[in-house]
Amino acid sequence: MNPAPNPLLNLMPIILIFVIFYFLLIRPQKKTQDEHKKMIQGLKKNDEVITSGGVHGTIANVKEATVTLKVDDNVKIEVQKNSISTIKRKASE
């Protein structure tokens, strides 16, 4: 009679794969999302930003869910805060 294999040993490869996925994919993505959220909350007037669509502009007004970007003389557009991908230069205080 052969003893039955330990069921925990059968689950070990699946557990190992999950741990690898967590440290290589899930954790870094969550950290990136948290940093983006913090950046969005810190937006203020005169910050120079780039949207996810590639529009470069200076923040003219900050509302709860949107920002107004000045992209040229007498040209302003309103975009969602979540579409801001990068802050080029912070407003000097």
C-alpha atoms as a PDB file:
ATOM      1  CA  MET A   1       0.000   0.000   0.000  1.00  0.00           C
ATOM      2  CA  ASN A   2       1.254   3.417  -0.988  1.00  0.00           C
ATOM      3  CA  PRO A   3       0.450   6.251   1.394  1.00  0.00           C
ATOM      4  CA  ALA A   4      -1.790   8.983  -0.087  1.00  0.00           C
ATOM      5  CA  PRO A   5       0.164  12.069  -1.211  1.00  0.00           C
ATOM      6  CA  ASN A   6      -0.246  15.152   0.914  1.00  0.00           C
ATOM      7  CA  PRO A   7      -2.969  17.375  -0.662  1.00  0.00           C
ATOM      8  CA  LEU A   8      -1.002  20.461   0.358  1.00  0.00           C
ATOM      9  CA  LEU A   9       1.848  19.397  -1.914  1.00  0.00           C
ATOM     10  CA  ASN A  10      -0.599  19.262  -4.842  1.00  0.00           C
ATOM     11  CA  LEU A  11      -1.615  22.882  -4.173  1.00  0.00           C
ATOM     12  CA  MET A  12       1.959  24.133  -3.739  1.00  0.00           C
ATOM     13  CA  PRO A  13       2.582  24.988  -7.453  1.00  0.00           C
ATOM     14  CA  ILE A  14      -0.659  27.001  -7.632  1.00  0.00           C
ATOM     15  CA  ILE A  15       0.204  28.872  -4.439  1.00  0.00           C
ATOM     16  CA  LEU A  16       3.706  29.558  -5.740  1.00  0.00           C
ATOM     17  CA  ILE A  17       2.346  30.918  -9.047  1.00  0.00           C
ATOM     18  CA  PHE A  18      -0.061  33.217  -7.170  1.00  0.00           C
ATOM     19  CA  VAL A  19       2.770  34.559  -4.983  1.00  0.00           C
ATOM     20  CA  ILE A  20       4.913  35.246  -8.064  1.00  0.00           C
ATOM     21  CA  PHE A  21       2.017  37.024  -9.807  1.00  0.00           C
ATOM     22  CA  TYR A  22       1.357  39.103  -6.703  1.00  0.00           C
ATOM     23  CA  PHE A  23       4.923  40.381  -6.404  1.00  0.00           C
ATOM     24  CA  LEU A  24       5.564  40.841 -10.133  1.00  0.00           C
ATOM     25  CA  LEU A  25       2.201  42.172 -11.357  1.00  0.00           C
ATOM     26  CA  ILE A  26      -0.407  43.035  -8.754  1.00  0.00           C
ATOM     27  CA  ARG A  27       1.696  44.875  -6.168  1.00  0.00           C
ATOM     28  CA  PRO A  28       3.582  47.171  -8.613  1.00  0.00           C
ATOM     29  CA  GLN A  29       0.338  48.028 -10.442  1.00  0.00           C
ATOM     30  CA  LYS A  30      -1.387  48.962  -7.181  1.00  0.00           C
ATOM     31  CA  LYS A  31       1.576  51.133  -6.193  1.00  0.00           C
ATOM     32  CA  THR A  32       1.410  52.929  -9.560  1.00  0.00           C
ATOM     33  CA  GLN A  33      -2.337  53.501  -9.153  1.00  0.00           C
ATOM     34  CA  ASP A  34      -1.849  54.918  -5.660  1.00  0.00           C
ATOM     35  CA  GLU A  35       0.866  57.314  -6.898  1.00  0.00           C
ATOM     36  CA  HIS A  36      -1.381  58.492  -9.778  1.00  0.00           C
ATOM     37  CA  LYS A  37      -4.287  59.056  -7.377  1.00  0.00           C
ATOM     38  CA  LYS A  38      -2.038  61.082  -5.065  1.00  0.00           C
ATOM     39  CA  MET A  39      -0.803  63.153  -8.037  1.00  0.00           C
ATOM     40  CA  ILE A  40      -4.392  63.830  -9.173  1.00  0.00           C
ATOM     41  CA  GLN A  41      -5.377  64.999  -5.694  1.00  0.00           C
ATOM     42  CA  GLY A  42      -2.400  67.383  -5.589  1.00  0.00           C
ATOM     43  CA  LEU A  43      -3.161  69.216  -8.847  1.00  0.00           C
ATOM     44  CA  LYS A  44      -3.315  72.981  -8.530  1.00  0.00           C
ATOM     45  CA  LYS A  45      -3.494  76.082 -10.676  1.00  0.00           C
ATOM     46  CA  ASN A  46      -0.468  76.830 -12.939  1.00  0.00           C
ATOM     47  CA  ASP A  47       0.836  73.231 -12.916  1.00  0.00           C
ATOM     48  CA  GLU A  48       2.031  72.246 -16.385  1.00  0.00           C
ATOM     49  CA  VAL A  49       0.588  68.844 -17.273  1.00  0.00           C
ATOM     50  CA  ILE A  50       0.304  66.297 -20.075  1.00  0.00           C
ATOM     51  CA  THR A  51      -2.955  64.404 -20.612  1.00  0.00           C
ATOM     52  CA  SER A  52      -3.167  60.759 -21.581  1.00  0.00           C
ATOM     53  CA  GLY A  53      -4.151  61.956 -25.076  1.00  0.00           C
ATOM     54  CA  GLY A  54      -0.903  63.915 -25.386  1.00  0.00           C
ATOM     55  CA  VAL A  55      -2.276  67.429 -24.857  1.00  0.00           C
ATOM     56  CA  HIS A  56       0.183  69.755 -23.122  1.00  0.00           C
ATOM     57  CA  GLY A  57      -1.289  72.577 -21.084  1.00  0.00           C
ATOM     58  CA  THR A  58      -1.269  74.673 -17.955  1.00  0.00           C
ATOM     59  CA  ILE A  59      -4.004  74.257 -15.376  1.00  0.00           C
ATOM     60  CA  ALA A  60      -6.176  77.367 -15.277  1.00  0.00           C
ATOM     61  CA  ASN A  61      -8.882  76.079 -12.940  1.00  0.00           C
ATOM     62  CA  VAL A  62      -9.361  72.990 -10.752  1.00  0.00           C
ATOM     63  CA  LYS A  63     -12.840  71.621 -10.064  1.00  0.00           C
ATOM     64  CA  GLU A  64     -13.917  68.503  -8.207  1.00  0.00           C
ATOM     65  CA  ALA A  65     -13.771  66.070 -11.167  1.00  0.00           C
ATOM     66  CA  THR A  66     -12.303  68.197 -13.963  1.00  0.00           C
ATOM     67  CA  VAL A  67      -9.571  70.705 -14.686  1.00  0.00           C
ATOM     68  CA  THR A  68      -9.489  73.527 -17.220  1.00  0.00           C
ATOM     69  CA  LEU A  69      -6.285  73.537 -19.260  1.00  0.00           C
ATOM     70  CA  LYS A  70      -4.924  76.571 -21.039  1.00  0.00           C
ATOM     71  CA  VAL A  71      -3.339  75.136 -24.174  1.00  0.00           C
ATOM     72  CA  ASP A  72      -2.744  78.404 -26.075  1.00  0.00           C
ATOM     73  CA  ASP A  73      -3.621  82.084 -25.894  1.00  0.00           C
ATOM     74  CA  ASN A  74      -7.417  82.311 -25.494  1.00  0.00           C
ATOM     75  CA  VAL A  75      -7.786  78.521 -25.858  1.00  0.00           C
ATOM     76  CA  LYS A  76      -8.981  76.555 -22.836  1.00  0.00           C
ATOM     77  CA  ILE A  77     -10.286  73.004 -22.662  1.00  0.00           C
ATOM     78  CA  GLU A  78     -11.884  71.103 -19.811  1.00  0.00           C
ATOM     79  CA  VAL A  79     -10.699  67.540 -19.189  1.00  0.00           C
ATOM     80  CA  GLN A  80     -11.312  64.892 -16.551  1.00  0.00           C
ATOM     81  CA  LYS A  81      -8.729  64.821 -13.767  1.00  0.00           C
ATOM     82  CA  ASN A  82      -8.121  61.113 -14.395  1.00  0.00           C
ATOM     83  CA  SER A  83      -6.909  61.908 -17.922  1.00  0.00           C
ATOM     84  CA  ILE A  84      -3.891  63.806 -16.542  1.00  0.00           C
ATOM     85  CA  SER A  85      -0.959  61.437 -16.928  1.00  0.00           C
ATOM     86  CA  THR A  86       2.063  63.559 -15.993  1.00  0.00           C
ATOM     87  CA  ILE A  87       2.936  66.804 -14.289  1.00  0.00           C
ATOM     88  CA  LYS A  88       5.720  68.465 -16.274  1.00  0.00           C
ATOM     89  CA  ARG A  89       6.377  71.254 -13.823  1.00  0.00           C
ATOM     90  CA  LYS A  90       4.795  72.149 -10.499  1.00  0.00           C
ATOM     91  CA  ALA A  91       3.508  75.637  -9.893  1.00  0.00           C
ATOM     92  CA  SER A  92       6.021  77.674  -7.935  1.00  0.00           C
ATOM     93  CA  GLU A  93       4.611  78.766  -4.616  1.00  0.00           C
END
